Amino acid sequence: MQHNNIVNIPNILAFIRLLLAPLMFMLLVNQEASIFEGIHTSWLNYFAAFIFVLASATDFFDGYIARTFNQITTMGQVLDPLADKMLTLAGFLGLMMQGVASPWAIYLILTRELFVTGLRVSAIAEGIDISASWMGKMKTVVQMIAIGFLLMRWEGGEVLLWIAVLLTLYSGYEYVRDFFQKVAH
């Protein structure tokens, strides 16, 4: 059952994630800016990683709180995946611009994310529920771990990125399949 009050803790957490995403992106792509003069780029990457972990935590808690305390709203159903996409977009594009992440991997992930976000918004408008599947949640976790590894320049980040690509594409297929199955009924 949906709760009508759009100003609730889950929506506030999603909104915070929307604000943290461009801050993280700025740290990744503007490391030569005069404001950061004298700060080693590794520290900027560590701070970007900290912001990413903090924003990722809001993703877990907003969903948990919304389900546990029946604070699910239509706004939250749109805002939460949008905030997720903005966060992953900031991380993946920033890492690609730094030359750390494969442009092809990022292109495939972002294309699927934009397509599925549009599909979900269409489904919500039609009253069709295509909530995140287990594979969709797994995809998000692997994407976030890959971003974290790449931000920290840890071994295995590129492998995790390509695993995230495979999970992303497969879960995208599941969303499309489920959407058309529900439209047919």
C-alpha atoms as a PDB file:
ATOM      1  CA  MET A   1       0.000   0.000   0.000  1.00  0.00           C
ATOM      2  CA  GLN A   2       1.319   3.423  -0.887  1.00  0.00           C
ATOM      3  CA  HIS A   3       1.675   6.183   1.646  1.00  0.00           C
ATOM      4  CA  ASN A   4       0.554   9.626   0.421  1.00  0.00           C
ATOM      5  CA  ASN A   5       2.987  11.799   2.391  1.00  0.00           C
ATOM      6  CA  ILE A   6       5.828  12.497  -0.048  1.00  0.00           C
ATOM      7  CA  VAL A   7       8.022  14.151   2.610  1.00  0.00           C
ATOM      8  CA  ASN A   8       9.279  11.154   4.529  1.00  0.00           C
ATOM      9  CA  ILE A   9      12.643   9.744   5.571  1.00  0.00           C
ATOM     10  CA  PRO A  10      13.086   7.421   2.550  1.00  0.00           C
ATOM     11  CA  ASN A  11      12.423  10.270   0.098  1.00  0.00           C
ATOM     12  CA  ILE A  12      14.755  12.587   2.037  1.00  0.00           C
ATOM     13  CA  LEU A  13      17.496   9.938   1.885  1.00  0.00           C
ATOM     14  CA  ALA A  14      16.994   9.546  -1.875  1.00  0.00           C
ATOM     15  CA  PHE A  15      17.171  13.327  -2.250  1.00  0.00           C
ATOM     16  CA  ILE A  16      20.438  13.391  -0.266  1.00  0.00           C
ATOM     17  CA  ARG A  17      21.786  10.802  -2.709  1.00  0.00           C
ATOM     18  CA  LEU A  18      20.786  13.129  -5.567  1.00  0.00           C
ATOM     19  CA  LEU A  19      22.881  15.880  -3.949  1.00  0.00           C
ATOM     20  CA  LEU A  20      25.893  13.679  -3.177  1.00  0.00           C
ATOM     21  CA  ALA A  21      26.188  12.352  -6.754  1.00  0.00           C
ATOM     22  CA  PRO A  22      27.259  15.663  -8.385  1.00  0.00           C
ATOM     23  CA  LEU A  23      29.622  16.381  -5.470  1.00  0.00           C
ATOM     24  CA  MET A  24      31.358  13.053  -6.059  1.00  0.00           C
ATOM     25  CA  PHE A  25      31.459  13.711  -9.812  1.00  0.00           C
ATOM     26  CA  MET A  26      33.019  17.139  -9.225  1.00  0.00           C
ATOM     27  CA  LEU A  27      35.758  15.572  -7.113  1.00  0.00           C
ATOM     28  CA  LEU A  28      36.521  13.021  -9.825  1.00  0.00           C
ATOM     29  CA  VAL A  29      36.608  15.301 -12.861  1.00  0.00           C
ATOM     30  CA  ASN A  30      37.882  18.623 -11.468  1.00  0.00           C
ATOM     31  CA  GLN A  31      40.996  17.423  -9.673  1.00  0.00           C
ATOM     32  CA  GLU A  32      43.148  20.037 -11.418  1.00  0.00           C
ATOM     33  CA  ALA A  33      40.945  22.923 -10.232  1.00  0.00           C
ATOM     34  CA  SER A  34      42.673  25.630  -8.218  1.00  0.00           C
ATOM     35  CA  ILE A  35      40.444  24.889  -5.227  1.00  0.00           C
ATOM     36  CA  PHE A  36      42.224  21.511  -4.917  1.00  0.00           C
ATOM     37  CA  GLU A  37      45.740  22.896  -5.369  1.00  0.00           C
ATOM     38  CA  GLY A  38      48.152  21.148  -3.041  1.00  0.00           C
ATOM     39  CA  ILE A  39      45.857  18.175  -2.446  1.00  0.00           C
ATOM     40  CA  HIS A  40      47.124  14.931  -3.935  1.00  0.00           C
ATOM     41  CA  THR A  41      44.644  13.355  -6.362  1.00  0.00           C
ATOM     42  CA  SER A  42      44.596  10.140  -4.340  1.00  0.00           C
ATOM     43  CA  TRP A  43      43.021  12.062  -1.448  1.00  0.00           C
ATOM     44  CA  LEU A  44      40.363  13.449  -3.773  1.00  0.00           C
ATOM     45  CA  ASN A  45      39.648   9.902  -4.966  1.00  0.00           C
ATOM     46  CA  TYR A  46      39.448   8.686  -1.343  1.00  0.00           C
ATOM     47  CA  PHE A  47      37.031  11.489  -0.481  1.00  0.00           C
ATOM     48  CA  ALA A  48      34.970  10.673  -3.596  1.00  0.00           C
ATOM     49  CA  ALA A  49      34.951   7.025  -2.432  1.00  0.00           C
ATOM     50  CA  PHE A  50      33.768   8.123   1.032  1.00  0.00           C
ATOM     51  CA  ILE A  51      30.940  10.152  -0.524  1.00  0.00           C
ATOM     52  CA  PHE A  52      30.060   7.162  -2.693  1.00  0.00           C
ATOM     53  CA  VAL A  53      29.888   4.806   0.312  1.00  0.00           C
ATOM     54  CA  LEU A  54      27.766   7.319   2.224  1.00  0.00           C
ATOM     55  CA  ALA A  55      25.410   7.749  -0.738  1.00  0.00           C
ATOM     56  CA  SER A  56      25.237   3.975  -1.248  1.00  0.00           C
ATOM     57  CA  ALA A  57      24.242   3.577   2.407  1.00  0.00           C
ATOM     58  CA  THR A  58      21.307   5.949   1.841  1.00  0.00           C
ATOM     59  CA  ASP A  59      20.182   3.614  -0.959  1.00  0.00           C
ATOM     60  CA  PHE A  60      20.017   0.669   1.436  1.00  0.00           C
ATOM     61  CA  PHE A  61      18.308   2.589   4.237  1.00  0.00           C
ATOM     62  CA  ASP A  62      15.704   4.393   2.144  1.00  0.00           C
ATOM     63  CA  GLY A  63      14.394   1.088   0.772  1.00  0.00           C
ATOM     64  CA  TYR A  64      14.533  -0.640   4.134  1.00  0.00           C
ATOM     65  CA  ILE A  65      12.694   2.180   5.915  1.00  0.00           C
ATOM     66  CA  ALA A  66      10.098   2.544   3.149  1.00  0.00           C
ATOM     67  CA  ARG A  67       9.217  -1.172   3.247  1.00  0.00           C
ATOM     68  CA  THR A  68       9.468  -1.667   7.014  1.00  0.00           C
ATOM     69  CA  PHE A  69       7.432   1.393   7.988  1.00  0.00           C
ATOM     70  CA  ASN A  70       5.071   1.398   4.995  1.00  0.00           C
ATOM     71  CA  GLN A  71       6.418   4.713   3.679  1.00  0.00           C
ATOM     72  CA  ILE A  72       6.360   3.761   0.005  1.00  0.00           C
ATOM     73  CA  THR A  73       5.225   6.661  -2.176  1.00  0.00           C
ATOM     74  CA  THR A  74       4.841   7.125  -5.909  1.00  0.00           C
ATOM     75  CA  MET A  75       7.438   9.884  -5.677  1.00  0.00           C
ATOM     76  CA  GLY A  76       9.792   7.481  -3.917  1.00  0.00           C
ATOM     77  CA  GLN A  77       9.246   4.840  -6.585  1.00  0.00           C
ATOM     78  CA  VAL A  78      10.517   7.351  -9.154  1.00  0.00           C
ATOM     79  CA  LEU A  79      13.048   9.228  -6.993  1.00  0.00           C
ATOM     80  CA  ASP A  80      14.883   6.164  -5.628  1.00  0.00           C
ATOM     81  CA  PRO A  81      15.887   4.618  -8.979  1.00  0.00           C
ATOM     82  CA  LEU A  82      16.639   8.091 -10.365  1.00  0.00           C
ATOM     83  CA  ALA A  83      18.970   8.795  -7.436  1.00  0.00           C
ATOM     84  CA  ASP A  84      20.607   5.383  -7.960  1.00  0.00           C
ATOM     85  CA  LYS A  85      21.182   6.172 -11.634  1.00  0.00           C
ATOM     86  CA  MET A  86      22.591   9.614 -10.861  1.00  0.00           C
ATOM     87  CA  LEU A  87      25.009   8.095  -8.354  1.00  0.00           C
ATOM     88  CA  THR A  88      26.207   5.341 -10.680  1.00  0.00           C
ATOM     89  CA  LEU A  89      26.328   7.819 -13.569  1.00  0.00           C
ATOM     90  CA  ALA A  90      28.545  10.134 -11.511  1.00  0.00           C
ATOM     91  CA  GLY A  91      30.850   7.299 -10.509  1.00  0.00           C
ATOM     92  CA  PHE A  92      31.101   5.567 -13.860  1.00  0.00           C
ATOM     93  CA  LEU A  93      31.462   8.740 -15.959  1.00  0.00           C
ATOM     94  CA  GLY A  94      33.996  10.228 -13.542  1.00  0.00           C
ATOM     95  CA  LEU A  95      36.053   7.034 -13.601  1.00  0.00           C
ATOM     96  CA  MET A  96      35.811   6.834 -17.390  1.00  0.00           C
ATOM     97  CA  MET A  97      36.978  10.442 -17.702  1.00  0.00           C
ATOM     98  CA  GLN A  98      39.946   9.600 -15.477  1.00  0.00           C
ATOM     99  CA  GLY A  99      40.798   6.709 -17.820  1.00  0.00           C
ATOM    100  CA  VAL A 100      40.143   4.097 -15.116  1.00  0.00           C
ATOM    101  CA  ALA A 101      36.967   2.503 -16.528  1.00  0.00           C
ATOM    102  CA  SER A 102      36.324   1.138 -20.023  1.00  0.00           C
ATOM    103  CA  PRO A 103      34.192   3.502 -22.126  1.00  0.00           C
ATOM    104  CA  TRP A 104      32.426   0.495 -23.698  1.00  0.00           C
ATOM    105  CA  ALA A 105      31.510  -0.941 -20.315  1.00  0.00           C
ATOM    106  CA  ILE A 106      30.193   2.435 -19.179  1.00  0.00           C
ATOM    107  CA  TYR A 107      28.246   2.934 -22.412  1.00  0.00           C
ATOM    108  CA  LEU A 108      26.538  -0.468 -22.072  1.00  0.00           C
ATOM    109  CA  ILE A 109      25.669   0.076 -18.413  1.00  0.00           C
ATOM    110  CA  LEU A 110      24.356   3.612 -18.862  1.00  0.00           C
ATOM    111  CA  THR A 111      22.325   2.749 -21.947  1.00  0.00           C
ATOM    112  CA  ARG A 112      20.594  -0.080 -20.087  1.00  0.00           C
ATOM    113  CA  GLU A 113      20.065   2.092 -16.997  1.00  0.00           C
ATOM    114  CA  LEU A 114      18.431   4.891 -18.972  1.00  0.00           C
ATOM    115  CA  PHE A 115      16.260   2.455 -20.916  1.00  0.00           C
ATOM    116  CA  VAL A 116      15.045   0.593 -17.825  1.00  0.00           C
ATOM    117  CA  THR A 117      14.448   3.821 -15.890  1.00  0.00           C
ATOM    118  CA  GLY A 118      12.205   5.005 -18.726  1.00  0.00           C
ATOM    119  CA  LEU A 119      10.470   1.635 -18.792  1.00  0.00           C
ATOM    120  CA  ARG A 120       9.870   1.767 -15.029  1.00  0.00           C
ATOM    121  CA  VAL A 121       8.447   5.290 -15.190  1.00  0.00           C
ATOM    122  CA  SER A 122       6.122   4.159 -18.020  1.00  0.00           C
ATOM    123  CA  ALA A 123       5.083   1.142 -15.963  1.00  0.00           C
ATOM    124  CA  ILE A 124       4.321   3.304 -12.912  1.00  0.00           C
ATOM    125  CA  ALA A 125       2.232   5.634 -15.099  1.00  0.00           C
ATOM    126  CA  GLU A 126       0.291   2.601 -16.376  1.00  0.00           C
ATOM    127  CA  GLY A 127      -0.165   1.213 -12.847  1.00  0.00           C
ATOM    128  CA  ILE A 128       2.111  -1.728 -13.578  1.00  0.00           C
ATOM    129  CA  ASP A 129       4.492  -2.857 -10.835  1.00  0.00           C
ATOM    130  CA  ILE A 130       7.915  -3.838 -12.130  1.00  0.00           C
ATOM    131  CA  SER A 131       9.814  -3.464  -8.897  1.00  0.00           C
ATOM    132  CA  ALA A 132      13.482  -4.310  -8.753  1.00  0.00           C
ATOM    133  CA  SER A 133      14.054  -8.031  -9.143  1.00  0.00           C
ATOM    134  CA  TRP A 134      16.611 -10.042  -7.218  1.00  0.00           C
ATOM    135  CA  MET A 135      18.896  -9.810 -10.277  1.00  0.00           C
ATOM    136  CA  GLY A 136      18.336  -6.054 -10.468  1.00  0.00           C
ATOM    137  CA  LYS A 137      19.364  -5.683  -6.833  1.00  0.00           C
ATOM    138  CA  MET A 138      22.386  -7.937  -7.381  1.00  0.00           C
ATOM    139  CA  LYS A 139      23.346  -5.809 -10.392  1.00  0.00           C
ATOM    140  CA  THR A 140      23.207  -2.648  -8.291  1.00  0.00           C
ATOM    141  CA  VAL A 141      25.366  -4.198  -5.557  1.00  0.00           C
ATOM    142  CA  VAL A 142      27.992  -5.394  -8.062  1.00  0.00           C
ATOM    143  CA  GLN A 143      27.972  -2.000  -9.823  1.00  0.00           C
ATOM    144  CA  MET A 144      28.537  -0.242  -6.510  1.00  0.00           C
ATOM    145  CA  ILE A 145      31.317  -2.641  -5.502  1.00  0.00           C
ATOM    146  CA  ALA A 146      32.948  -2.161  -8.928  1.00  0.00           C
ATOM    147  CA  ILE A 147      32.777   1.623  -8.559  1.00  0.00           C
ATOM    148  CA  GLY A 148      34.275   1.351  -5.068  1.00  0.00           C
ATOM    149  CA  PHE A 149      37.140  -0.862  -6.290  1.00  0.00           C
ATOM    150  CA  LEU A 150      37.820   1.441  -9.233  1.00  0.00           C
ATOM    151  CA  LEU A 151      37.707   4.557  -7.033  1.00  0.00           C
ATOM    152  CA  MET A 152      40.223   3.014  -4.662  1.00  0.00           C
ATOM    153  CA  ARG A 153      42.292   1.631  -7.583  1.00  0.00           C
ATOM    154  CA  TRP A 154      42.092  -1.859  -6.085  1.00  0.00           C
ATOM    155  CA  GLU A 155      43.035  -4.948  -8.042  1.00  0.00           C
ATOM    156  CA  GLY A 156      40.074  -6.593  -9.761  1.00  0.00           C
ATOM    157  CA  GLY A 157      38.088  -3.396 -10.352  1.00  0.00           C
ATOM    158  CA  GLU A 158      38.029  -3.844 -14.141  1.00  0.00           C
ATOM    159  CA  VAL A 159      36.925  -7.490 -13.804  1.00  0.00           C
ATOM    160  CA  LEU A 160      34.135  -6.430 -11.435  1.00  0.00           C
ATOM    161  CA  LEU A 161      33.141  -3.746 -13.925  1.00  0.00           C
ATOM    162  CA  TRP A 162      32.656  -6.334 -16.694  1.00  0.00           C
ATOM    163  CA  ILE A 163      30.765  -8.655 -14.328  1.00  0.00           C
ATOM    164  CA  ALA A 164      28.541  -5.644 -13.576  1.00  0.00           C
ATOM    165  CA  VAL A 165      28.037  -5.158 -17.339  1.00  0.00           C
ATOM    166  CA  LEU A 166      26.853  -8.756 -17.756  1.00  0.00           C
ATOM    167  CA  LEU A 167      24.498  -8.571 -14.754  1.00  0.00           C
ATOM    168  CA  THR A 168      23.247  -5.165 -15.901  1.00  0.00           C
ATOM    169  CA  LEU A 169      22.384  -6.391 -19.385  1.00  0.00           C
ATOM    170  CA  TYR A 170      20.747  -9.584 -18.108  1.00  0.00           C
ATOM    171  CA  SER A 171      18.651  -7.769 -15.501  1.00  0.00           C
ATOM    172  CA  GLY A 172      17.645  -5.292 -18.225  1.00  0.00           C
ATOM    173  CA  TYR A 173      16.373  -8.222 -20.272  1.00  0.00           C
ATOM    174  CA  GLU A 174      14.357  -9.375 -17.223  1.00  0.00           C
ATOM    175  CA  TYR A 175      12.740  -5.932 -16.841  1.00  0.00           C
ATOM    176  CA  VAL A 176      11.735  -5.838 -20.506  1.00  0.00           C
ATOM    177  CA  ARG A 177      10.394  -9.416 -20.379  1.00  0.00           C
ATOM    178  CA  ASP A 178       8.409  -8.740 -17.181  1.00  0.00           C
ATOM    179  CA  PHE A 179       7.020  -5.464 -18.518  1.00  0.00           C
ATOM    180  CA  PHE A 180       5.707  -7.070 -21.704  1.00  0.00           C
ATOM    181  CA  GLN A 181       4.302 -10.058 -19.808  1.00  0.00           C
ATOM    182  CA  LYS A 182       2.365  -7.708 -17.499  1.00  0.00           C
ATOM    183  CA  VAL A 183       1.180  -5.506 -20.379  1.00  0.00           C
ATOM    184  CA  ALA A 184      -0.147  -8.612 -22.172  1.00  0.00           C
ATOM    185  CA  HIS A 185      -2.315  -9.508 -19.164  1.00  0.00           C
END
